[in-house]
PDB file of N, CA and C in Angstrom:
ATOM      1  N   MET A   1       0.763  -1.176  -0.053  1.00  0.00           N
ATOM      2  CA  MET A   1       0.062  -0.004  -0.195  1.00  0.00           C
ATOM      3  C   MET A   1       0.864   1.382  -0.172  1.00  0.00           C
ATOM      4  N   THR A   2       0.638   2.498  -0.260  1.00  0.00           N
ATOM      5  CA  THR A   2       1.190   3.545  -0.342  1.00  0.00           C
ATOM      6  C   THR A   2       1.033   3.954   1.259  1.00  0.00           C
ATOM      7  N   SER A   3       1.886   4.682   1.299  1.00  0.00           N
ATOM      8  CA  SER A   3       2.289   5.258   2.655  1.00  0.00           C
ATOM      9  C   SER A   3       1.879   6.879   2.612  1.00  0.00           C
ATOM     10  N   ARG A   4       0.896   7.132   3.559  1.00  0.00           N
ATOM     11  CA  ARG A   4       0.435   8.838   3.352  1.00  0.00           C
ATOM     12  C   ARG A   4       0.937   9.565   2.899  1.00  0.00           C
ATOM     13  N   GLY A   5       2.282   9.760   3.442  1.00  0.00           N
ATOM     14  CA  GLY A   5       3.264  10.824   2.997  1.00  0.00           C
ATOM     15  C   GLY A   5       3.126  10.923   1.686  1.00  0.00           C
ATOM     16  N   SER A   6       3.189  10.111   0.609  1.00  0.00           N
ATOM     17  CA  SER A   6       3.571  10.257  -0.924  1.00  0.00           C
ATOM     18  C   SER A   6       2.499  10.688  -1.642  1.00  0.00           C
ATOM     19  N   ARG A   7       1.298   9.977  -0.816  1.00  0.00           N
ATOM     20  CA  ARG A   7      -0.074  10.597  -1.909  1.00  0.00           C
ATOM     21  C   ARG A   7       0.007  10.189  -2.966  1.00  0.00           C
ATOM     22  N   SER A   8       0.918   8.991  -3.882  1.00  0.00           N
ATOM     23  CA  SER A   8       0.977   8.663  -4.644  1.00  0.00           C
ATOM     24  C   SER A   8       0.589   7.535  -4.592  1.00  0.00           C
ATOM     25  N   LEU A   9      -0.373   6.812  -6.037  1.00  0.00           N
ATOM     26  CA  LEU A   9      -1.058   5.322  -5.935  1.00  0.00           C
ATOM     27  C   LEU A   9      -0.022   4.795  -6.576  1.00  0.00           C
ATOM     28  N   ASP A  10      -0.084   3.337  -5.370  1.00  0.00           N
ATOM     29  CA  ASP A  10       0.708   2.414  -5.981  1.00  0.00           C
ATOM     30  C   ASP A  10       0.425   1.451  -7.018  1.00  0.00           C
ATOM     31  N   PRO A  11       0.563   1.181  -7.927  1.00  0.00           N
ATOM     32  CA  PRO A  11       0.440   0.199  -9.194  1.00  0.00           C
ATOM     33  C   PRO A  11      -0.311  -0.863  -8.925  1.00  0.00           C
ATOM     34  N   ARG A  12       0.172  -1.145  -7.506  1.00  0.00           N
ATOM     35  CA  ARG A  12      -0.456  -2.678  -7.403  1.00  0.00           C
ATOM     36  C   ARG A  12      -2.027  -2.644  -6.517  1.00  0.00           C
ATOM     37  N   LEU A  13      -2.191  -1.180  -6.323  1.00  0.00           N
ATOM     38  CA  LEU A  13      -3.244  -0.969  -5.921  1.00  0.00           C
ATOM     39  C   LEU A  13      -4.594  -1.209  -6.902  1.00  0.00           C
ATOM     40  N   ILE A  14      -4.074  -1.303  -8.085  1.00  0.00           N
ATOM     41  CA  ILE A  14      -5.268  -1.107  -9.561  1.00  0.00           C
ATOM     42  C   ILE A  14      -4.898  -2.712 -10.192  1.00  0.00           C
ATOM     43  N   ARG A  15      -5.269  -3.737  -9.640  1.00  0.00           N
ATOM     44  CA  ARG A  15      -5.268  -4.935 -10.464  1.00  0.00           C
ATOM     45  C   ARG A  15      -6.327  -5.489 -10.512  1.00  0.00           C
ATOM     46  N   PRO A  16      -6.521  -6.251 -11.640  1.00  0.00           N
ATOM     47  CA  PRO A  16      -7.607  -6.831 -11.694  1.00  0.00           C
ATOM     48  C   PRO A  16      -7.852  -7.701 -10.549  1.00  0.00           C
ATOM     49  N   GLY A  17      -9.131  -8.031 -10.320  1.00  0.00           N
ATOM     50  CA  GLY A  17      -9.114  -9.050  -8.946  1.00  0.00           C
ATOM     51  C   GLY A  17      -9.947 -10.770  -9.925  1.00  0.00           C
ATOM     52  N   PRO A  18     -10.114 -11.434  -9.072  1.00  0.00           N
ATOM     53  CA  PRO A  18     -10.333 -12.981  -9.712  1.00  0.00           C
ATOM     54  C   PRO A  18     -11.631 -12.846 -10.160  1.00  0.00           C
ATOM     55  N   ALA A  19     -11.596 -13.627 -11.617  1.00  0.00           N
ATOM     56  CA  ALA A  19     -12.627 -13.551 -12.309  1.00  0.00           C
ATOM     57  C   ALA A  19     -13.415 -15.022 -12.629  1.00  0.00           C
ATOM     58  N   ILE A  20     -14.816 -14.648 -11.544  1.00  0.00           N
ATOM     59  CA  ILE A  20     -15.645 -16.107 -11.284  1.00  0.00           C
ATOM     60  C   ILE A  20     -17.039 -15.677 -11.433  1.00  0.00           C
ATOM     61  N   ALA A  21     -17.008 -15.662 -12.621  1.00  0.00           N
ATOM     62  CA  ALA A  21     -18.364 -15.527 -13.179  1.00  0.00           C
ATOM     63  C   ALA A  21     -18.777 -16.540 -14.131  1.00  0.00           C
ATOM     64  N   LEU A  22     -20.163 -17.223 -13.719  1.00  0.00           N
ATOM     65  CA  LEU A  22     -20.827 -18.538 -15.024  1.00  0.00           C
ATOM     66  C   LEU A  22     -20.965 -17.331 -16.381  1.00  0.00           C
ATOM     67  N   GLU A  23     -21.079 -18.259 -17.355  1.00  0.00           N
ATOM     68  CA  GLU A  23     -21.580 -17.585 -18.725  1.00  0.00           C
ATOM     69  C   GLU A  23     -22.960 -17.194 -18.275  1.00  0.00           C
ATOM     70  N   SER A  24     -23.688 -18.009 -17.559  1.00  0.00           N
ATOM     71  CA  SER A  24     -25.487 -17.744 -17.693  1.00  0.00           C
ATOM     72  C   SER A  24     -25.716 -16.377 -16.779  1.00  0.00           C
ATOM     73  N   GLU A  25     -24.472 -15.884 -15.872  1.00  0.00           N
ATOM     74  CA  GLU A  25     -24.687 -14.858 -14.846  1.00  0.00           C
ATOM     75  C   GLU A  25     -24.178 -13.641 -15.112  1.00  0.00           C
ATOM     76  N   PRO A  26     -24.154 -12.773 -15.954  1.00  0.00           N
ATOM     77  CA  PRO A  26     -23.481 -12.259 -16.048  1.00  0.00           C
ATOM     78  C   PRO A  26     -22.880 -11.125 -14.691  1.00  0.00           C
ATOM     79  N   THR A  27     -21.648 -10.338 -14.872  1.00  0.00           N
ATOM     80  CA  THR A  27     -21.006  -9.745 -13.841  1.00  0.00           C
ATOM     81  C   THR A  27     -21.389  -8.442 -13.966  1.00  0.00           C
ATOM     82  N   VAL A  28     -21.971  -7.986 -12.783  1.00  0.00           N
ATOM     83  CA  VAL A  28     -22.498  -6.705 -12.287  1.00  0.00           C
ATOM     84  C   VAL A  28     -21.633  -6.115 -11.373  1.00  0.00           C
ATOM     85  N   SER A  29     -21.253  -5.281 -11.548  1.00  0.00           N
ATOM     86  CA  SER A  29     -20.424  -4.514 -10.580  1.00  0.00           C
ATOM     87  C   SER A  29     -20.593  -3.337 -10.598  1.00  0.00           C
ATOM     88  N   SER A  30     -20.568  -2.351  -9.048  1.00  0.00           N
ATOM     89  CA  SER A  30     -20.414  -1.174  -8.817  1.00  0.00           C
ATOM     90  C   SER A  30     -19.659  -0.277  -8.111  1.00  0.00           C
ATOM     91  N   THR A  31     -18.912   0.666  -8.062  1.00  0.00           N
ATOM     92  CA  THR A  31     -18.145   1.556  -7.400  1.00  0.00           C
ATOM     93  C   THR A  31     -18.307   1.947  -6.082  1.00  0.00           C
ATOM     94  N   ARG A  32     -17.894   1.779  -4.783  1.00  0.00           N
ATOM     95  CA  ARG A  32     -18.073   1.909  -3.597  1.00  0.00           C
ATOM     96  C   ARG A  32     -17.278   2.377  -2.730  1.00  0.00           C
ATOM     97  N   LYS A  33     -17.665   3.271  -2.016  1.00  0.00           N
ATOM     98  CA  LYS A  33     -17.023   3.995  -0.799  1.00  0.00           C
ATOM     99  C   LYS A  33     -17.059   2.539   0.210  1.00  0.00           C
ATOM    100  N   ILE A  34     -15.687   2.567   0.586  1.00  0.00           N
ATOM    101  CA  ILE A  34     -15.470   1.269   1.442  1.00  0.00           C
ATOM    102  C   ILE A  34     -14.858   1.686   3.066  1.00  0.00           C
ATOM    103  N   LEU A  35     -14.270   2.628   3.081  1.00  0.00           N
ATOM    104  CA  LEU A  35     -13.887   2.921   4.252  1.00  0.00           C
ATOM    105  C   LEU A  35     -12.917   3.913   4.215  1.00  0.00           C
ATOM    106  N   THR A  36     -13.187   4.770   5.085  1.00  0.00           N
ATOM    107  CA  THR A  36     -12.420   6.380   5.620  1.00  0.00           C
ATOM    108  C   THR A  36     -12.016   6.160   6.794  1.00  0.00           C
ATOM    109  N   LEU A  37     -10.528   6.953   6.867  1.00  0.00           N
ATOM    110  CA  LEU A  37      -9.628   7.297   7.687  1.00  0.00           C
ATOM    111  C   LEU A  37      -9.295   8.007   7.899  1.00  0.00           C
ATOM    112  N   HIS A  38      -9.299   8.810   9.075  1.00  0.00           N
ATOM    113  CA  HIS A  38      -9.475  10.119   9.474  1.00  0.00           C
ATOM    114  C   HIS A  38      -7.949  10.594  10.642  1.00  0.00           C
ATOM    115  N   PRO A  39      -7.052  11.308  10.405  1.00  0.00           N
ATOM    116  CA  PRO A  39      -5.697  12.047  10.918  1.00  0.00           C
ATOM    117  C   PRO A  39      -6.453  11.714  12.311  1.00  0.00           C
ATOM    118  N   PRO A  40      -5.261  12.342  13.079  1.00  0.00           N
ATOM    119  CA  PRO A  40      -3.909  11.244  13.044  1.00  0.00           C
ATOM    120  C   PRO A  40      -3.800   9.848  13.106  1.00  0.00           C
ATOM    121  N   LEU A  41      -3.108   9.591  12.384  1.00  0.00           N
ATOM    122  CA  LEU A  41      -2.827   7.941  12.594  1.00  0.00           C
ATOM    123  C   LEU A  41      -1.232   7.670  12.079  1.00  0.00           C
ATOM    124  N   GLY A  42      -0.811   7.003  12.469  1.00  0.00           N
ATOM    125  CA  GLY A  42       1.026   6.663  12.245  1.00  0.00           C
ATOM    126  C   GLY A  42       0.921   6.187  11.099  1.00  0.00           C
ATOM    127  N   ASP A  43       1.830   6.258  10.417  1.00  0.00           N
ATOM    128  CA  ASP A  43       2.139   5.447   9.171  1.00  0.00           C
ATOM    129  C   ASP A  43       2.187   4.240   9.068  1.00  0.00           C
ATOM    130  N   THR A  44       2.431   3.572  10.505  1.00  0.00           N
ATOM    131  CA  THR A  44       2.468   1.923  10.555  1.00  0.00           C
ATOM    132  C   THR A  44       1.161   1.645  10.953  1.00  0.00           C
ATOM    133  N   THR A  45       0.209   1.780  11.309  1.00  0.00           N
ATOM    134  CA  THR A  45      -1.094   2.029  11.670  1.00  0.00           C
ATOM    135  C   THR A  45      -1.764   1.659  10.122  1.00  0.00           C
ATOM    136  N   ILE A  46      -1.965   2.788   9.378  1.00  0.00           N
ATOM    137  CA  ILE A  46      -2.173   3.453   7.875  1.00  0.00           C
ATOM    138  C   ILE A  46      -1.906   1.714   7.461  1.00  0.00           C
ATOM    139  N   ASP A  47      -0.547   1.149   7.150  1.00  0.00           N
ATOM    140  CA  ASP A  47       0.126   0.852   6.388  1.00  0.00           C
ATOM    141  C   ASP A  47      -0.887  -0.532   6.804  1.00  0.00           C
ATOM    142  N   ALA A  48      -0.890  -1.140   8.274  1.00  0.00           N
ATOM    143  CA  ALA A  48      -1.778  -2.253   8.458  1.00  0.00           C
ATOM    144  C   ALA A  48      -2.901  -2.403   7.854  1.00  0.00           C
ATOM    145  N   ILE A  49      -3.884  -1.207   8.889  1.00  0.00           N
ATOM    146  CA  ILE A  49      -5.317  -0.950   7.966  1.00  0.00           C
ATOM    147  C   ILE A  49      -5.252  -1.242   6.557  1.00  0.00           C
ATOM    148  N   LEU A  50      -4.772  -0.760   5.816  1.00  0.00           N
ATOM    149  CA  LEU A  50      -4.912  -0.576   4.169  1.00  0.00           C
ATOM    150  C   LEU A  50      -4.650  -1.813   3.716  1.00  0.00           C
ATOM    151  N   THR A  51      -3.763  -2.317   3.909  1.00  0.00           N
ATOM    152  CA  THR A  51      -2.838  -3.826   3.750  1.00  0.00           C
ATOM    153  C   THR A  51      -3.836  -5.230   3.971  1.00  0.00           C
ATOM    154  N   SER A  52      -4.241  -4.969   4.961  1.00  0.00           N
ATOM    155  CA  SER A  52      -5.558  -6.050   5.200  1.00  0.00           C
ATOM    156  C   SER A  52      -6.523  -5.854   4.902  1.00  0.00           C
ATOM    157  N   LEU A  53      -6.970  -4.512   5.037  1.00  0.00           N
ATOM    158  CA  LEU A  53      -8.523  -4.222   3.650  1.00  0.00           C
ATOM    159  C   LEU A  53      -8.112  -4.631   2.165  1.00  0.00           C
ATOM    160  N   GLU A  54      -7.337  -4.400   1.368  1.00  0.00           N
ATOM    161  CA  GLU A  54      -6.685  -4.713   0.369  1.00  0.00           C
ATOM    162  C   GLU A  54      -7.014  -6.052   0.113  1.00  0.00           C
ATOM    163  N   ALA A  55      -6.443  -7.020   0.984  1.00  0.00           N
ATOM    164  CA  ALA A  55      -6.436  -8.181   0.970  1.00  0.00           C
ATOM    165  C   ALA A  55      -7.818  -8.867   0.761  1.00  0.00           C
ATOM    166  N   ALA A  56      -8.753  -8.335   1.940  1.00  0.00           N
ATOM    167  CA  ALA A  56      -9.905  -8.757   2.247  1.00  0.00           C
ATOM    168  C   ALA A  56     -10.794  -8.144   1.084  1.00  0.00           C
ATOM    169  N   LEU A  57     -10.724  -7.032   0.098  1.00  0.00           N
ATOM    170  CA  LEU A  57     -11.455  -6.982  -0.708  1.00  0.00           C
ATOM    171  C   LEU A  57     -11.406  -7.557  -1.833  1.00  0.00           C
ATOM    172  N   ILE A  58      -9.868  -8.239  -2.323  1.00  0.00           N
ATOM    173  CA  ILE A  58      -9.366  -8.728  -3.089  1.00  0.00           C
ATOM    174  C   ILE A  58     -10.131 -10.170  -2.869  1.00  0.00           C
ATOM    175  N   GLU A  59     -10.330 -10.641  -2.052  1.00  0.00           N
ATOM    176  CA  GLU A  59     -10.816 -12.222  -1.497  1.00  0.00           C
ATOM    177  C   GLU A  59     -12.290 -11.987  -2.084  1.00  0.00           C
ATOM    178  N   ALA A  60     -13.140 -10.834  -1.838  1.00  0.00           N
ATOM    179  CA  ALA A  60     -14.551 -10.688  -1.768  1.00  0.00           C
ATOM    180  C   ALA A  60     -14.525 -10.661  -3.525  1.00  0.00           C
ATOM    181  N   GLY A  61     -13.497 -10.012  -4.268  1.00  0.00           N
ATOM    182  CA  GLY A  61     -14.038 -10.053  -5.793  1.00  0.00           C
ATOM    183  C   GLY A  61     -13.895  -8.552  -5.907  1.00  0.00           C
ATOM    184  N   ALA A  62     -13.278  -7.720  -5.509  1.00  0.00           N
ATOM    185  CA  ALA A  62     -12.906  -6.420  -6.111  1.00  0.00           C
ATOM    186  C   ALA A  62     -11.851  -6.433  -7.259  1.00  0.00           C
ATOM    187  N   SER A  63     -12.710  -5.518  -8.412  1.00  0.00           N
ATOM    188  CA  SER A  63     -11.858  -5.716  -9.477  1.00  0.00           C
ATOM    189  C   SER A  63     -10.757  -4.534  -9.627  1.00  0.00           C
ATOM    190  N   ARG A  64     -10.860  -3.693  -8.901  1.00  0.00           N
ATOM    191  CA  ARG A  64     -10.019  -2.131  -8.285  1.00  0.00           C
ATOM    192  C   ARG A  64     -10.622  -1.458  -7.423  1.00  0.00           C
ATOM    193  N   ILE A  65      -9.310  -1.250  -6.437  1.00  0.00           N
ATOM    194  CA  ILE A  65      -9.161  -0.619  -5.608  1.00  0.00           C
ATOM    195  C   ILE A  65      -8.458   0.513  -5.439  1.00  0.00           C
ATOM    196  N   TRP A  66      -8.509   1.640  -5.029  1.00  0.00           N
ATOM    197  CA  TRP A  66      -7.827   2.972  -4.677  1.00  0.00           C
ATOM    198  C   TRP A  66      -8.036   3.675  -4.095  1.00  0.00           C
ATOM    199  N   VAL A  67      -7.104   4.636  -3.428  1.00  0.00           N
ATOM    200  CA  VAL A  67      -7.443   5.583  -2.495  1.00  0.00           C
ATOM    201  C   VAL A  67      -7.900   7.224  -3.079  1.00  0.00           C
ATOM    202  N   GLU A  68      -9.196   7.531  -2.904  1.00  0.00           N
ATOM    203  CA  GLU A  68      -9.522   8.458  -3.230  1.00  0.00           C
ATOM    204  C   GLU A  68      -8.621  10.120  -3.153  1.00  0.00           C
ATOM    205  N   SER A  69      -7.960  10.776  -3.851  1.00  0.00           N
ATOM    206  CA  SER A  69      -7.210  11.537  -3.777  1.00  0.00           C
ATOM    207  C   SER A  69      -7.932  12.992  -3.325  1.00  0.00           C
ATOM    208  N   GLU A  70      -8.980  13.005  -3.258  1.00  0.00           N
ATOM    209  CA  GLU A  70     -10.112  14.189  -3.217  1.00  0.00           C
ATOM    210  C   GLU A  70     -10.519  14.486  -1.874  1.00  0.00           C
ATOM    211  N   SER A  71     -10.158  13.479  -0.769  1.00  0.00           N
ATOM    212  CA  SER A  71     -10.602  13.460   0.570  1.00  0.00           C
ATOM    213  C   SER A  71      -9.355  14.138   1.507  1.00  0.00           C
ATOM    214  N   TYR A  72      -8.330  14.263   0.561  1.00  0.00           N
ATOM    215  CA  TYR A  72      -7.519  14.660   1.972  1.00  0.00           C
ATOM    216  C   TYR A  72      -7.888  15.732   2.791  1.00  0.00           C
ATOM    217  N   PRO A  73      -7.257  15.702   3.506  1.00  0.00           N
ATOM    218  CA  PRO A  73      -6.163  14.824   4.664  1.00  0.00           C
ATOM    219  C   PRO A  73      -6.990  13.294   5.116  1.00  0.00           C
ATOM    220  N   ASP A  74      -8.143  13.277   5.178  1.00  0.00           N
ATOM    221  CA  ASP A  74      -8.812  11.888   5.079  1.00  0.00           C
ATOM    222  C   ASP A  74      -7.893  10.609   3.891  1.00  0.00           C
ATOM    223  N   LEU A  75      -8.276   9.840   4.268  1.00  0.00           N
ATOM    224  CA  LEU A  75      -7.810   8.697   3.487  1.00  0.00           C
ATOM    225  C   LEU A  75      -9.137   7.653   3.059  1.00  0.00           C
ATOM    226  N   THR A  76      -9.878   8.075   2.064  1.00  0.00           N
ATOM    227  CA  THR A  76     -11.016   7.138   1.477  1.00  0.00           C
ATOM    228  C   THR A  76     -11.263   6.350   0.738  1.00  0.00           C
ATOM    229  N   VAL A  77     -11.044   4.613   0.921  1.00  0.00           N
ATOM    230  CA  VAL A  77     -10.557   3.866   0.299  1.00  0.00           C
ATOM    231  C   VAL A  77     -11.850   3.070  -0.460  1.00  0.00           C
ATOM    232  N   MET A  78     -11.781   3.451  -1.745  1.00  0.00           N
ATOM    233  CA  MET A  78     -12.954   2.971  -3.072  1.00  0.00           C
ATOM    234  C   MET A  78     -12.280   1.633  -3.637  1.00  0.00           C
ATOM    235  N   ALA A  79     -13.685   0.856  -4.035  1.00  0.00           N
ATOM    236  CA  ALA A  79     -13.296  -0.297  -4.698  1.00  0.00           C
ATOM    237  C   ALA A  79     -14.500  -0.663  -5.490  1.00  0.00           C
ATOM    238  N   THR A  80     -14.099  -1.137  -7.072  1.00  0.00           N
ATOM    239  CA  THR A  80     -15.412  -1.767  -7.931  1.00  0.00           C
ATOM    240  C   THR A  80     -15.676  -3.257  -7.375  1.00  0.00           C
ATOM    241  N   MET A  81     -16.857  -3.588  -6.711  1.00  0.00           N
ATOM    242  CA  MET A  81     -17.077  -4.204  -6.131  1.00  0.00           C
ATOM    243  C   MET A  81     -18.547  -5.063  -6.887  1.00  0.00           C
ATOM    244  N   PRO A  82     -18.362  -6.743  -6.982  1.00  0.00           N
ATOM    245  CA  PRO A  82     -19.302  -7.206  -7.827  1.00  0.00           C
ATOM    246  C   PRO A  82     -20.647  -6.714  -6.675  1.00  0.00           C
ATOM    247  N   GLU A  83     -21.769  -6.964  -7.497  1.00  0.00           N
ATOM    248  CA  GLU A  83     -23.341  -7.108  -7.030  1.00  0.00           C
ATOM    249  C   GLU A  83     -23.313  -8.265  -6.555  1.00  0.00           C
ATOM    250  N   LEU A  84     -24.114  -8.310  -5.505  1.00  0.00           N
ATOM    251  CA  LEU A  84     -24.676  -9.551  -4.790  1.00  0.00           C
ATOM    252  C   LEU A  84     -25.763  -9.650  -6.283  1.00  0.00           C
ATOM    253  N   GLN A  85     -26.026 -10.936  -6.343  1.00  0.00           N
ATOM    254  CA  GLN A  85     -26.989 -11.408  -7.051  1.00  0.00           C
ATOM    255  C   GLN A  85     -28.243 -11.773  -5.843  1.00  0.00           C
ATOM    256  N   PRO A  86     -29.614 -11.231  -6.355  1.00  0.00           N
ATOM    257  CA  PRO A  86     -30.803 -11.714  -5.707  1.00  0.00           C
ATOM    258  C   PRO A  86     -31.003 -13.050  -4.910  1.00  0.00           C
ATOM    259  N   GLU A  87     -30.154 -14.020  -5.120  1.00  0.00           N
ATOM    260  CA  GLU A  87     -30.106 -15.643  -4.775  1.00  0.00           C
ATOM    261  C   GLU A  87     -29.347 -15.449  -3.777  1.00  0.00           C
ATOM    262  N   HIS A  88     -28.163 -14.769  -3.885  1.00  0.00           N
ATOM    263  CA  HIS A  88     -27.156 -14.572  -2.335  1.00  0.00           C
ATOM    264  C   HIS A  88     -27.426 -13.858  -1.355  1.00  0.00           C
ATOM    265  N   VAL A  89     -28.735 -12.900  -1.703  1.00  0.00           N
ATOM    266  CA  VAL A  89     -28.904 -12.181  -0.407  1.00  0.00           C
ATOM    267  C   VAL A  89     -30.059 -12.321   0.501  1.00  0.00           C
ATOM    268  N   GLU A  90     -29.785 -12.861   1.545  1.00  0.00           N
ATOM    269  CA  GLU A  90     -30.569 -13.391   2.534  1.00  0.00           C
ATOM    270  C   GLU A  90     -31.391 -12.147   2.871  1.00  0.00           C
ATOM    271  N   ARG A  91     -32.630 -12.972   2.966  1.00  0.00           N
ATOM    272  CA  ARG A  91     -34.160 -12.029   3.369  1.00  0.00           C
ATOM    273  C   ARG A  91     -34.426 -11.772   5.192  1.00  0.00           C
ATOM    274  N   ILE A  92     -34.370 -10.629   5.884  1.00  0.00           N
ATOM    275  CA  ILE A  92     -34.426 -10.436   7.315  1.00  0.00           C
ATOM    276  C   ILE A  92     -35.820  -9.959   7.169  1.00  0.00           C
ATOM    277  N   ALA A  93     -36.445 -10.938   8.093  1.00  0.00           N
ATOM    278  CA  ALA A  93     -37.776 -10.532   8.418  1.00  0.00           C
ATOM    279  C   ALA A  93     -38.380  -9.775   9.354  1.00  0.00           C
TER     280      ALA A  93
END
């Protein structure tokens, strides 16, 4: 992940996620705001949070992950995530 001081995007953050889609089910995705971190946090803490979050998002099928540069001084993590299909959504009664 990038360090907070550099504010440049690490090319490792923008990579395709695993392609797990059946031909009969088209993949639908959307851009989502995932997390916003507010200063002050130490660089070690930020790195640990962002590294863990990146791994979790990739595992969940994110196709793109980035830090929104317009939210400075906050760090806002955005991701392109697959949409849940209706058969995967649990109904809460």
